[in-house]
Amino acid sequence: MLALAIVPLAAPAVADPLPVATPVDAELKAVAHCVDQASKQLRGQIQAWTDTVGASWLGQTVTANFQSLKCKLHEHAPIVISGADPRIQNKAPGATMPDLGITGGAGTAGDPYLISGWNIAGSDDITVYTPVTSPQKQTLRQWNQQYAEGIRITGSTAYFRIVGVYVHGFPTQGIYVQGAHVDLYNSLILDTAVGLRHYETYRHPAVAHNTIIARNVGIDYGSHTSSDTWDNHIYVQHTSGTTYGVRVYFSSNHQINENNVDGWFSRDPNYGVYLDQTYAVDVHNDRVCAYTAAVTDFAPRTSEGVNSIWGTVACDPNLYDDILP
């Protein structure tokens, strides 16, 4: 299959979010690196894909990649964190809370709560992705029936950093954030309607080095959210309905740079990066394969600021290896 030659772009000048300073940091970085490598292998293994066999094949391939790389991921129920939860309010700095998925941190800007090293499966994916016993499977199904997202964090003044997680098989969002500061690094989100949805988030979170394969929207930012979004591999693959790689609406002050976005079997209307009533959004040097448009700037709020769009590399969405690995 013919693929377009893409010259790699220089990495953005952003500090490494995972400095190795302690054994805990070293383990965290090892998990992040392992998820990165498994995701890169997956991108290289993708061939012709259909809705009927794709989810099962992708899940089995990811599991094999994790096993071959010996990634230290542990099964976890869907994670739900609310700012009103007294367990969060009373948590001692540095203490872990495995039931909430928190593996460390103090919840401050300089030392955010860490959520890392988890394999979080939706109920429909348990038999495909996660070999578990019948009682465990039933418990996981009960958890999933209660919550439709893999990770849900809302209404918290604390800072969170999600690193090296695998979230898959949820009917709505893989990760949902509302009114909280949550960074997302080096993670894999697979087979969800929306990969990541950030809503009403005012503290400019970072979203970087992730692979997201979603049915409708890869990354969704809405209502006053701002972000730094860079070096993500995003695929949307629904064969009906409107799909978006990255959608930003009623928001400002986003940096959406050097991402790979592929419409991958989606059909028109299919948008790569879609801006809806935004201002002061910077979109540059992204590689976008989309049927309808690579970048759309709908009804920009020019009275408040100007969006900057440049350097986008457009490609044919029929060539699903254009932006791989």
C-alpha atoms as a PDB file:
ATOM      1  CA  MET A   1       0.000   0.000   0.000  1.00  0.00           C
ATOM      2  CA  LEU A   2       1.307   3.436  -0.919  1.00  0.00           C
ATOM      3  CA  ALA A   3       2.077   5.668   2.057  1.00  0.00           C
ATOM      4  CA  LEU A   4       2.920   9.346   2.070  1.00  0.00           C
ATOM      5  CA  ALA A   5       6.419  10.216   3.197  1.00  0.00           C
ATOM      6  CA  ILE A   6       6.179  12.235   6.387  1.00  0.00           C
ATOM      7  CA  VAL A   7       9.233  14.000   7.759  1.00  0.00           C
ATOM      8  CA  PRO A   8       9.268  13.737  11.573  1.00  0.00           C
ATOM      9  CA  LEU A   9       8.802  17.067  13.303  1.00  0.00           C
ATOM     10  CA  ALA A  10      10.971  18.272  16.134  1.00  0.00           C
ATOM     11  CA  ALA A  11       9.492  17.657  19.566  1.00  0.00           C
ATOM     12  CA  PRO A  12       7.952  20.736  21.204  1.00  0.00           C
ATOM     13  CA  ALA A  13      10.058  22.478  23.803  1.00  0.00           C
ATOM     14  CA  VAL A  14       8.188  21.134  26.824  1.00  0.00           C
ATOM     15  CA  ALA A  15       9.841  19.846  29.980  1.00  0.00           C
ATOM     16  CA  ASP A  16       9.786  16.082  30.553  1.00  0.00           C
ATOM     17  CA  PRO A  17       6.746  15.534  32.802  1.00  0.00           C
ATOM     18  CA  LEU A  18       8.233  12.356  34.294  1.00  0.00           C
ATOM     19  CA  PRO A  19      11.650  13.132  35.802  1.00  0.00           C
ATOM     20  CA  VAL A  20      13.315  10.140  37.487  1.00  0.00           C
ATOM     21  CA  ALA A  21      14.188  11.128  41.037  1.00  0.00           C
ATOM     22  CA  THR A  22      13.049   8.234  43.264  1.00  0.00           C
ATOM     23  CA  PRO A  23      12.342   4.496  42.869  1.00  0.00           C
ATOM     24  CA  VAL A  24       8.639   5.370  42.623  1.00  0.00           C
ATOM     25  CA  ASP A  25       9.379   7.786  39.778  1.00  0.00           C
ATOM     26  CA  ALA A  26      11.516   5.164  38.062  1.00  0.00           C
ATOM     27  CA  GLU A  27       8.698   2.603  38.224  1.00  0.00           C
ATOM     28  CA  LEU A  28       6.237   5.193  36.914  1.00  0.00           C
ATOM     29  CA  LYS A  29       8.470   5.995  33.990  1.00  0.00           C
ATOM     30  CA  ALA A  30       8.939   2.292  33.241  1.00  0.00           C
ATOM     31  CA  VAL A  31       5.147   1.782  33.057  1.00  0.00           C
ATOM     32  CA  ALA A  32       4.729   4.848  30.842  1.00  0.00           C
ATOM     33  CA  HIS A  33       7.488   3.644  28.533  1.00  0.00           C
ATOM     34  CA  CYS A  34       5.972   0.157  28.318  1.00  0.00           C
ATOM     35  CA  VAL A  35       2.521   1.489  27.404  1.00  0.00           C
ATOM     36  CA  ASP A  36       4.203   3.745  24.837  1.00  0.00           C
ATOM     37  CA  GLN A  37       5.976   0.793  23.237  1.00  0.00           C
ATOM     38  CA  ALA A  38       2.834  -1.371  23.199  1.00  0.00           C
ATOM     39  CA  SER A  39       0.892   1.495  21.580  1.00  0.00           C
ATOM     40  CA  LYS A  40       3.604   2.022  18.984  1.00  0.00           C
ATOM     41  CA  GLN A  41       3.544  -1.681  18.150  1.00  0.00           C
ATOM     42  CA  LEU A  42      -0.233  -1.505  17.764  1.00  0.00           C
ATOM     43  CA  ARG A  43       0.011   1.419  15.358  1.00  0.00           C
ATOM     44  CA  GLY A  44       2.494  -0.561  13.297  1.00  0.00           C
ATOM     45  CA  GLN A  45       0.278  -3.665  13.323  1.00  0.00           C
ATOM     46  CA  ILE A  46      -2.903  -1.984  12.088  1.00  0.00           C
ATOM     47  CA  GLN A  47      -3.953  -3.291   8.689  1.00  0.00           C
ATOM     48  CA  ALA A  48      -7.309  -3.224   6.870  1.00  0.00           C
ATOM     49  CA  TRP A  49      -9.967  -2.810   9.559  1.00  0.00           C
ATOM     50  CA  THR A  50     -13.728  -3.322   9.751  1.00  0.00           C
ATOM     51  CA  ASP A  51     -16.308  -2.600  12.448  1.00  0.00           C
ATOM     52  CA  THR A  52     -17.269  -6.265  12.734  1.00  0.00           C
ATOM     53  CA  VAL A  53     -13.872  -7.705  13.654  1.00  0.00           C
ATOM     54  CA  GLY A  54     -11.826  -4.670  14.579  1.00  0.00           C
ATOM     55  CA  ALA A  55     -12.490  -4.323  18.313  1.00  0.00           C
ATOM     56  CA  SER A  56     -11.715  -7.949  19.097  1.00  0.00           C
ATOM     57  CA  TRP A  57      -8.580  -8.001  16.945  1.00  0.00           C
ATOM     58  CA  LEU A  58      -7.297  -4.735  18.406  1.00  0.00           C
ATOM     59  CA  GLY A  59      -7.897  -5.867  21.968  1.00  0.00           C
ATOM     60  CA  GLN A  60      -6.173  -9.204  21.484  1.00  0.00           C
ATOM     61  CA  THR A  61      -3.247  -7.499  19.782  1.00  0.00           C
ATOM     62  CA  VAL A  62      -2.832  -5.013  22.627  1.00  0.00           C
ATOM     63  CA  THR A  63      -2.937  -7.820  25.205  1.00  0.00           C
ATOM     64  CA  ALA A  64      -0.240  -9.708  23.306  1.00  0.00           C
ATOM     65  CA  ASN A  65       1.884  -6.561  23.105  1.00  0.00           C
ATOM     66  CA  PHE A  66       1.616  -5.947  26.839  1.00  0.00           C
ATOM     67  CA  GLN A  67       2.504  -9.561  27.575  1.00  0.00           C
ATOM     68  CA  SER A  68       5.517  -9.598  25.264  1.00  0.00           C
ATOM     69  CA  LEU A  69       6.810  -6.353  26.770  1.00  0.00           C
ATOM     70  CA  LYS A  70       6.010  -7.525  30.325  1.00  0.00           C
ATOM     71  CA  CYS A  71       4.160  -4.306  31.124  1.00  0.00           C
ATOM     72  CA  LYS A  72       3.258  -4.089  34.809  1.00  0.00           C
ATOM     73  CA  LEU A  73      -0.394  -3.144  34.487  1.00  0.00           C
ATOM     74  CA  HIS A  74      -2.948  -4.196  37.099  1.00  0.00           C
ATOM     75  CA  GLU A  75      -6.691  -4.636  36.637  1.00  0.00           C
ATOM     76  CA  HIS A  76      -8.860  -1.981  38.234  1.00  0.00           C
ATOM     77  CA  ALA A  77     -12.552  -1.179  38.360  1.00  0.00           C
ATOM     78  CA  PRO A  78     -13.728   2.069  36.751  1.00  0.00           C
ATOM     79  CA  ILE A  79     -12.309   4.968  38.768  1.00  0.00           C
ATOM     80  CA  VAL A  80     -14.711   7.643  40.010  1.00  0.00           C
ATOM     81  CA  ILE A  81     -13.377  10.635  41.952  1.00  0.00           C
ATOM     82  CA  SER A  82     -15.436  13.586  43.161  1.00  0.00           C
ATOM     83  CA  GLY A  83     -14.103  16.665  44.900  1.00  0.00           C
ATOM     84  CA  ALA A  84     -16.770  16.184  47.552  1.00  0.00           C
ATOM     85  CA  ASP A  85     -15.447  12.722  48.456  1.00  0.00           C
ATOM     86  CA  PRO A  86     -14.154  12.902  52.067  1.00  0.00           C
ATOM     87  CA  ARG A  87     -11.515  10.312  51.218  1.00  0.00           C
ATOM     88  CA  ILE A  88      -9.928  12.851  48.869  1.00  0.00           C
ATOM     89  CA  GLN A  89     -10.378  15.739  51.292  1.00  0.00           C
ATOM     90  CA  ASN A  90      -8.759  13.806  54.152  1.00  0.00           C
ATOM     91  CA  LYS A  91      -6.011  12.068  52.182  1.00  0.00           C
ATOM     92  CA  ALA A  92      -2.531  12.383  53.682  1.00  0.00           C
ATOM     93  CA  PRO A  93       0.122  13.725  51.249  1.00  0.00           C
ATOM     94  CA  GLY A  94       1.922  10.881  49.528  1.00  0.00           C
ATOM     95  CA  ALA A  95      -0.514   8.199  50.707  1.00  0.00           C
ATOM     96  CA  THR A  96      -1.878   5.776  48.143  1.00  0.00           C
ATOM     97  CA  MET A  97      -5.578   5.039  47.715  1.00  0.00           C
ATOM     98  CA  PRO A  98      -5.804   1.981  45.460  1.00  0.00           C
ATOM     99  CA  ASP A  99      -9.617   1.905  45.626  1.00  0.00           C
ATOM    100  CA  LEU A 100      -9.643   5.325  43.919  1.00  0.00           C
ATOM    101  CA  GLY A 101      -6.750   4.398  41.653  1.00  0.00           C
ATOM    102  CA  ILE A 102      -4.416   6.921  43.328  1.00  0.00           C
ATOM    103  CA  THR A 103      -0.877   5.578  43.473  1.00  0.00           C
ATOM    104  CA  GLY A 104       0.852   8.613  45.017  1.00  0.00           C
ATOM    105  CA  GLY A 105       1.123  12.390  45.097  1.00  0.00           C
ATOM    106  CA  ALA A 106      -0.267  15.154  47.289  1.00  0.00           C
ATOM    107  CA  GLY A 107      -2.814  16.711  44.922  1.00  0.00           C
ATOM    108  CA  THR A 108      -0.887  19.966  44.497  1.00  0.00           C
ATOM    109  CA  ALA A 109       0.284  21.597  41.288  1.00  0.00           C
ATOM    110  CA  GLY A 110       3.855  20.561  42.061  1.00  0.00           C
ATOM    111  CA  ASP A 111       2.951  17.062  43.278  1.00  0.00           C
ATOM    112  CA  PRO A 112      -0.341  15.980  41.689  1.00  0.00           C
ATOM    113  CA  TYR A 113      -2.197  12.829  42.609  1.00  0.00           C
ATOM    114  CA  LEU A 114      -0.955  10.013  40.382  1.00  0.00           C
ATOM    115  CA  ILE A 115      -3.197   7.493  38.682  1.00  0.00           C
ATOM    116  CA  SER A 116      -0.924   5.032  36.919  1.00  0.00           C
ATOM    117  CA  GLY A 117      -0.362   1.426  35.922  1.00  0.00           C
ATOM    118  CA  TRP A 118      -4.030   0.397  35.591  1.00  0.00           C
ATOM    119  CA  ASN A 119      -5.828  -1.779  33.048  1.00  0.00           C
ATOM    120  CA  ILE A 120      -9.470  -0.619  33.167  1.00  0.00           C
ATOM    121  CA  ALA A 121     -11.862  -2.700  31.075  1.00  0.00           C
ATOM    122  CA  GLY A 122     -15.490  -2.078  30.217  1.00  0.00           C
ATOM    123  CA  SER A 123     -17.823  -5.025  30.784  1.00  0.00           C
ATOM    124  CA  ASP A 124     -18.160  -5.896  27.109  1.00  0.00           C
ATOM    125  CA  ASP A 125     -14.394  -6.212  26.755  1.00  0.00           C
ATOM    126  CA  ILE A 126     -13.585  -8.330  29.788  1.00  0.00           C
ATOM    127  CA  THR A 127     -13.537 -11.689  28.006  1.00  0.00           C
ATOM    128  CA  VAL A 128     -11.627 -10.229  25.062  1.00  0.00           C
ATOM    129  CA  TYR A 129      -8.980  -8.232  26.869  1.00  0.00           C
ATOM    130  CA  THR A 130      -8.656  -9.503  30.412  1.00  0.00           C
ATOM    131  CA  PRO A 131      -8.452 -13.170  31.430  1.00  0.00           C
ATOM    132  CA  VAL A 132     -10.265 -13.198  34.790  1.00  0.00           C
ATOM    133  CA  THR A 133     -12.233 -15.729  36.805  1.00  0.00           C
ATOM    134  CA  SER A 134     -16.028 -15.822  36.699  1.00  0.00           C
ATOM    135  CA  PRO A 135     -16.547 -14.094  40.094  1.00  0.00           C
ATOM    136  CA  GLN A 136     -14.121 -11.338  39.092  1.00  0.00           C
ATOM    137  CA  LYS A 137     -15.855 -10.971  35.752  1.00  0.00           C
ATOM    138  CA  GLN A 138     -19.255 -10.613  37.393  1.00  0.00           C
ATOM    139  CA  THR A 139     -17.918  -7.969  39.785  1.00  0.00           C
ATOM    140  CA  LEU A 140     -16.365  -6.015  36.934  1.00  0.00           C
ATOM    141  CA  ARG A 141     -19.648  -6.136  35.036  1.00  0.00           C
ATOM    142  CA  GLN A 142     -21.468  -4.735  38.047  1.00  0.00           C
ATOM    143  CA  TRP A 143     -18.957  -1.883  38.311  1.00  0.00           C
ATOM    144  CA  ASN A 144     -19.324  -1.103  34.627  1.00  0.00           C
ATOM    145  CA  GLN A 145     -23.119  -1.069  34.764  1.00  0.00           C
ATOM    146  CA  GLN A 146     -22.883   1.623  37.433  1.00  0.00           C
ATOM    147  CA  TYR A 147     -20.420   3.859  35.553  1.00  0.00           C
ATOM    148  CA  ALA A 148     -20.132   4.345  31.823  1.00  0.00           C
ATOM    149  CA  GLU A 149     -16.586   5.783  31.832  1.00  0.00           C
ATOM    150  CA  GLY A 150     -13.263   4.171  32.627  1.00  0.00           C
ATOM    151  CA  ILE A 151     -12.063   7.155  34.678  1.00  0.00           C
ATOM    152  CA  ARG A 152     -14.338   9.969  35.877  1.00  0.00           C
ATOM    153  CA  ILE A 153     -12.967  12.943  37.841  1.00  0.00           C
ATOM    154  CA  THR A 154     -15.266  15.863  38.651  1.00  0.00           C
ATOM    155  CA  GLY A 155     -15.541  18.935  40.865  1.00  0.00           C
ATOM    156  CA  SER A 156     -12.123  18.817  42.492  1.00  0.00           C
ATOM    157  CA  THR A 157      -9.663  21.600  43.287  1.00  0.00           C
ATOM    158  CA  ALA A 158      -6.849  19.028  43.498  1.00  0.00           C
ATOM    159  CA  TYR A 159      -4.417  18.317  40.682  1.00  0.00           C
ATOM    160  CA  PHE A 160      -4.259  14.871  39.047  1.00  0.00           C
ATOM    161  CA  ARG A 161      -1.842  13.242  36.604  1.00  0.00           C
ATOM    162  CA  ILE A 162      -2.834  10.068  34.756  1.00  0.00           C
ATOM    163  CA  VAL A 163       0.167   8.189  33.377  1.00  0.00           C
ATOM    164  CA  GLY A 164       0.503   4.784  31.735  1.00  0.00           C
ATOM    165  CA  VAL A 165      -3.086   3.498  31.885  1.00  0.00           C
ATOM    166  CA  TYR A 166      -5.008   1.304  29.457  1.00  0.00           C
ATOM    167  CA  VAL A 167      -8.739   2.158  29.283  1.00  0.00           C
ATOM    168  CA  HIS A 168     -10.975   0.251  26.874  1.00  0.00           C
ATOM    169  CA  GLY A 169     -14.455  -0.893  25.979  1.00  0.00           C
ATOM    170  CA  PHE A 170     -16.683   1.801  27.530  1.00  0.00           C
ATOM    171  CA  PRO A 171     -19.938   2.979  25.925  1.00  0.00           C
ATOM    172  CA  THR A 172     -19.378   6.712  26.499  1.00  0.00           C
ATOM    173  CA  GLN A 173     -16.011   8.251  27.467  1.00  0.00           C
ATOM    174  CA  GLY A 174     -12.805   6.448  28.206  1.00  0.00           C
ATOM    175  CA  ILE A 175     -11.835   9.327  30.519  1.00  0.00           C
ATOM    176  CA  TYR A 176     -14.237  12.096  31.580  1.00  0.00           C
ATOM    177  CA  VAL A 177     -13.115  15.252  33.413  1.00  0.00           C
ATOM    178  CA  GLN A 178     -15.368  18.082  34.552  1.00  0.00           C
ATOM    179  CA  GLY A 179     -14.258  20.997  36.698  1.00  0.00           C
ATOM    180  CA  ALA A 180     -10.916  19.430  37.623  1.00  0.00           C
ATOM    181  CA  HIS A 181      -7.276  19.666  36.554  1.00  0.00           C
ATOM    182  CA  VAL A 182      -6.201  16.354  35.052  1.00  0.00           C
ATOM    183  CA  ASP A 183      -3.105  15.802  32.913  1.00  0.00           C
ATOM    184  CA  LEU A 184      -2.931  12.693  30.707  1.00  0.00           C
ATOM    185  CA  TYR A 185       0.362  11.196  29.537  1.00  0.00           C
ATOM    186  CA  ASN A 186       1.574   8.016  27.844  1.00  0.00           C
ATOM    187  CA  SER A 187      -1.737   6.152  27.928  1.00  0.00           C
ATOM    188  CA  LEU A 188      -3.825   3.996  25.585  1.00  0.00           C
ATOM    189  CA  ILE A 189      -7.597   4.473  25.181  1.00  0.00           C
ATOM    190  CA  LEU A 190      -9.356   2.002  22.923  1.00  0.00           C
ATOM    191  CA  ASP A 191     -12.886   1.189  21.764  1.00  0.00           C
ATOM    192  CA  THR A 192     -14.877   3.989  23.430  1.00  0.00           C
ATOM    193  CA  ALA A 193     -17.334   6.471  21.927  1.00  0.00           C
ATOM    194  CA  VAL A 194     -15.159   9.390  23.088  1.00  0.00           C
ATOM    195  CA  GLY A 195     -11.545   8.862  24.098  1.00  0.00           C
ATOM    196  CA  LEU A 196     -11.040  11.844  26.441  1.00  0.00           C
ATOM    197  CA  ARG A 197     -13.579  14.518  27.312  1.00  0.00           C
ATOM    198  CA  HIS A 198     -12.458  17.612  29.260  1.00  0.00           C
ATOM    199  CA  TYR A 199     -15.335  19.911  30.234  1.00  0.00           C
ATOM    200  CA  GLU A 200     -15.327  23.128  32.256  1.00  0.00           C
ATOM    201  CA  THR A 201     -11.662  22.777  33.143  1.00  0.00           C
ATOM    202  CA  TYR A 202      -9.929  26.071  33.801  1.00  0.00           C
ATOM    203  CA  ARG A 203      -6.345  25.156  34.667  1.00  0.00           C
ATOM    204  CA  HIS A 204      -4.816  24.337  31.276  1.00  0.00           C
ATOM    205  CA  PRO A 205      -4.151  20.589  31.510  1.00  0.00           C
ATOM    206  CA  ALA A 206      -1.515  18.780  29.425  1.00  0.00           C
ATOM    207  CA  VAL A 207      -2.480  15.879  27.146  1.00  0.00           C
ATOM    208  CA  ALA A 208       0.525  14.291  25.462  1.00  0.00           C
ATOM    209  CA  HIS A 209       2.049  11.063  24.120  1.00  0.00           C
ATOM    210  CA  ASN A 210      -1.240   9.130  24.100  1.00  0.00           C
ATOM    211  CA  THR A 211      -2.801   6.743  21.584  1.00  0.00           C
ATOM    212  CA  ILE A 212      -6.593   7.034  21.330  1.00  0.00           C
ATOM    213  CA  ILE A 213      -8.823   4.872  19.126  1.00  0.00           C
ATOM    214  CA  ALA A 214     -12.442   6.015  19.478  1.00  0.00           C
ATOM    215  CA  ARG A 215     -15.690   5.549  17.615  1.00  0.00           C
ATOM    216  CA  ASN A 216     -16.879   9.165  17.430  1.00  0.00           C
ATOM    217  CA  VAL A 217     -14.502  11.707  19.021  1.00  0.00           C
ATOM    218  CA  GLY A 218     -10.854  11.273  19.946  1.00  0.00           C
ATOM    219  CA  ILE A 219     -10.393  14.266  22.263  1.00  0.00           C
ATOM    220  CA  ASP A 220     -13.265  16.597  23.193  1.00  0.00           C
ATOM    221  CA  TYR A 221     -12.758  19.979  24.917  1.00  0.00           C
ATOM    222  CA  GLY A 222     -15.770  22.060  25.874  1.00  0.00           C
ATOM    223  CA  SER A 223     -16.964  25.142  27.758  1.00  0.00           C
ATOM    224  CA  HIS A 224     -13.997  27.226  28.826  1.00  0.00           C
ATOM    225  CA  THR A 225     -11.470  24.425  28.829  1.00  0.00           C
ATOM    226  CA  SER A 226      -7.918  25.252  27.739  1.00  0.00           C
ATOM    227  CA  SER A 227      -5.085  22.794  27.144  1.00  0.00           C
ATOM    228  CA  ASP A 228      -1.652  21.866  25.861  1.00  0.00           C
ATOM    229  CA  THR A 229      -2.295  18.951  23.498  1.00  0.00           C
ATOM    230  CA  TRP A 230       0.680  17.542  21.633  1.00  0.00           C
ATOM    231  CA  ASP A 231       2.189  14.346  20.206  1.00  0.00           C
ATOM    232  CA  ASN A 232      -0.974  12.234  20.405  1.00  0.00           C
ATOM    233  CA  HIS A 233      -2.015   9.540  17.905  1.00  0.00           C
ATOM    234  CA  ILE A 234      -5.781   9.760  17.435  1.00  0.00           C
ATOM    235  CA  TYR A 235      -7.994   7.506  15.308  1.00  0.00           C
ATOM    236  CA  VAL A 236     -11.754   7.725  14.829  1.00  0.00           C
ATOM    237  CA  GLN A 237     -13.432   4.853  13.040  1.00  0.00           C
ATOM    238  CA  HIS A 238     -17.228   5.021  13.046  1.00  0.00           C
ATOM    239  CA  THR A 239     -18.835   4.271   9.680  1.00  0.00           C
ATOM    240  CA  SER A 240     -21.891   6.472  10.319  1.00  0.00           C
ATOM    241  CA  GLY A 241     -22.521   9.837  11.948  1.00  0.00           C
ATOM    242  CA  THR A 242     -20.226  12.828  12.327  1.00  0.00           C
ATOM    243  CA  THR A 243     -16.792  12.102  13.768  1.00  0.00           C
ATOM    244  CA  TYR A 244     -13.993  14.316  15.051  1.00  0.00           C
ATOM    245  CA  GLY A 245     -10.348  13.713  15.830  1.00  0.00           C
ATOM    246  CA  VAL A 246     -10.072  16.723  18.149  1.00  0.00           C
ATOM    247  CA  ARG A 247     -13.109  18.907  18.837  1.00  0.00           C
ATOM    248  CA  VAL A 248     -12.931  22.225  20.713  1.00  0.00           C
ATOM    249  CA  TYR A 249     -16.071  24.257  21.422  1.00  0.00           C
ATOM    250  CA  PHE A 250     -16.882  27.406  23.419  1.00  0.00           C
ATOM    251  CA  SER A 251     -13.260  27.519  24.550  1.00  0.00           C
ATOM    252  CA  SER A 252     -10.019  29.447  24.199  1.00  0.00           C
ATOM    253  CA  ASN A 253      -6.255  29.270  24.767  1.00  0.00           C
ATOM    254  CA  HIS A 254      -5.589  25.786  23.446  1.00  0.00           C
ATOM    255  CA  GLN A 255      -2.292  24.619  22.008  1.00  0.00           C
ATOM    256  CA  ILE A 256      -3.013  21.708  19.623  1.00  0.00           C
ATOM    257  CA  ASN A 257       0.346  20.905  18.084  1.00  0.00           C
ATOM    258  CA  GLU A 258       2.136  18.020  16.357  1.00  0.00           C
ATOM    259  CA  ASN A 259      -0.619  15.440  16.751  1.00  0.00           C
ATOM    260  CA  ASN A 260      -1.442  12.620  14.321  1.00  0.00           C
ATOM    261  CA  VAL A 261      -5.171  12.450  13.538  1.00  0.00           C
ATOM    262  CA  ASP A 262      -6.655   9.808  11.227  1.00  0.00           C
ATOM    263  CA  GLY A 263     -10.279   9.418  10.091  1.00  0.00           C
ATOM    264  CA  TRP A 264      -9.543   5.688   9.621  1.00  0.00           C
ATOM    265  CA  PHE A 265     -12.654   4.188   8.028  1.00  0.00           C
ATOM    266  CA  SER A 266     -14.904   7.040   9.110  1.00  0.00           C
ATOM    267  CA  ARG A 267     -17.099   8.485   6.381  1.00  0.00           C
ATOM    268  CA  ASP A 268     -18.213  11.993   5.564  1.00  0.00           C
ATOM    269  CA  PRO A 269     -18.817  14.050   7.639  1.00  0.00           C
ATOM    270  CA  ASN A 270     -15.466  13.406   9.275  1.00  0.00           C
ATOM    271  CA  TYR A 271     -13.356  16.251  10.688  1.00  0.00           C
ATOM    272  CA  GLY A 272      -9.755  16.190  11.811  1.00  0.00           C
ATOM    273  CA  VAL A 273      -9.515  19.217  14.126  1.00  0.00           C
ATOM    274  CA  TYR A 274     -12.828  21.049  14.578  1.00  0.00           C
ATOM    275  CA  LEU A 275     -13.028  24.447  16.287  1.00  0.00           C
ATOM    276  CA  ASP A 276     -16.532  25.647  17.171  1.00  0.00           C
ATOM    277  CA  GLN A 277     -16.941  29.222  18.489  1.00  0.00           C
ATOM    278  CA  THR A 278     -13.425  29.492  19.861  1.00  0.00           C
ATOM    279  CA  TYR A 279     -10.656  32.097  20.077  1.00  0.00           C
ATOM    280  CA  ALA A 280      -6.932  32.184  20.816  1.00  0.00           C
ATOM    281  CA  VAL A 281      -6.511  28.550  19.752  1.00  0.00           C
ATOM    282  CA  ASP A 282      -3.184  27.581  18.194  1.00  0.00           C
ATOM    283  CA  VAL A 283      -3.297  24.622  15.783  1.00  0.00           C
ATOM    284  CA  HIS A 284      -0.009  23.912  14.068  1.00  0.00           C
ATOM    285  CA  ASN A 285       2.106  21.129  12.581  1.00  0.00           C
ATOM    286  CA  ASP A 286      -0.552  18.455  13.005  1.00  0.00           C
ATOM    287  CA  ARG A 287      -0.822  15.545  10.537  1.00  0.00           C
ATOM    288  CA  VAL A 288      -4.490  15.058   9.699  1.00  0.00           C
ATOM    289  CA  CYS A 289      -6.284  12.512   7.488  1.00  0.00           C
ATOM    290  CA  ALA A 290      -9.978  13.410   7.240  1.00  0.00           C
ATOM    291  CA  TYR A 291     -12.716  13.077   4.630  1.00  0.00           C
ATOM    292  CA  THR A 292     -14.420  16.426   5.174  1.00  0.00           C
ATOM    293  CA  ALA A 293     -11.687  18.793   6.358  1.00  0.00           C
ATOM    294  CA  ALA A 294      -8.330  18.631   8.084  1.00  0.00           C
ATOM    295  CA  VAL A 295      -8.988  21.744  10.199  1.00  0.00           C
ATOM    296  CA  THR A 296     -12.326  23.574  10.487  1.00  0.00           C
ATOM    297  CA  ASP A 297     -12.702  26.960  12.200  1.00  0.00           C
ATOM    298  CA  PHE A 298     -16.459  27.412  12.615  1.00  0.00           C
ATOM    299  CA  ALA A 299     -17.850  30.765  13.856  1.00  0.00           C
ATOM    300  CA  PRO A 300     -14.618  31.978  15.491  1.00  0.00           C
ATOM    301  CA  ARG A 301     -15.036  34.591  18.222  1.00  0.00           C
ATOM    302  CA  THR A 302     -12.728  37.100  16.554  1.00  0.00           C
ATOM    303  CA  SER A 303     -13.844  39.973  18.765  1.00  0.00           C
ATOM    304  CA  GLU A 304     -12.154  38.197  21.685  1.00  0.00           C
ATOM    305  CA  GLY A 305      -9.093  36.793  19.936  1.00  0.00           C
ATOM    306  CA  VAL A 306      -7.783  35.186  16.769  1.00  0.00           C
ATOM    307  CA  ASN A 307      -7.183  31.491  16.152  1.00  0.00           C
ATOM    308  CA  SER A 308      -3.827  30.585  14.606  1.00  0.00           C
ATOM    309  CA  ILE A 309      -3.828  27.638  12.177  1.00  0.00           C
ATOM    310  CA  TRP A 310      -0.729  26.726  10.170  1.00  0.00           C
ATOM    311  CA  GLY A 311       1.602  23.931   9.141  1.00  0.00           C
ATOM    312  CA  THR A 312      -1.051  21.175   8.937  1.00  0.00           C
ATOM    313  CA  VAL A 313      -0.102  18.184   6.777  1.00  0.00           C
ATOM    314  CA  ALA A 314      -3.224  16.705   5.157  1.00  0.00           C
ATOM    315  CA  CYS A 315      -3.362  13.144   3.820  1.00  0.00           C
ATOM    316  CA  ASP A 316      -5.791  10.623   2.332  1.00  0.00           C
ATOM    317  CA  PRO A 317      -7.859   8.859   5.057  1.00  0.00           C
ATOM    318  CA  ASN A 318      -8.080   5.766   2.854  1.00  0.00           C
ATOM    319  CA  LEU A 319      -4.380   5.176   3.477  1.00  0.00           C
ATOM    320  CA  TYR A 320      -4.500   4.158   7.094  1.00  0.00           C
ATOM    321  CA  ASP A 321      -0.717   3.765   7.257  1.00  0.00           C
ATOM    322  CA  ASP A 322      -0.076   7.386   6.233  1.00  0.00           C
ATOM    323  CA  ILE A 323       0.714   8.496   9.769  1.00  0.00           C
ATOM    324  CA  LEU A 324       2.039   5.242  11.223  1.00  0.00           C
ATOM    325  CA  PRO A 325       3.787   4.343  13.401  1.00  0.00           C
END
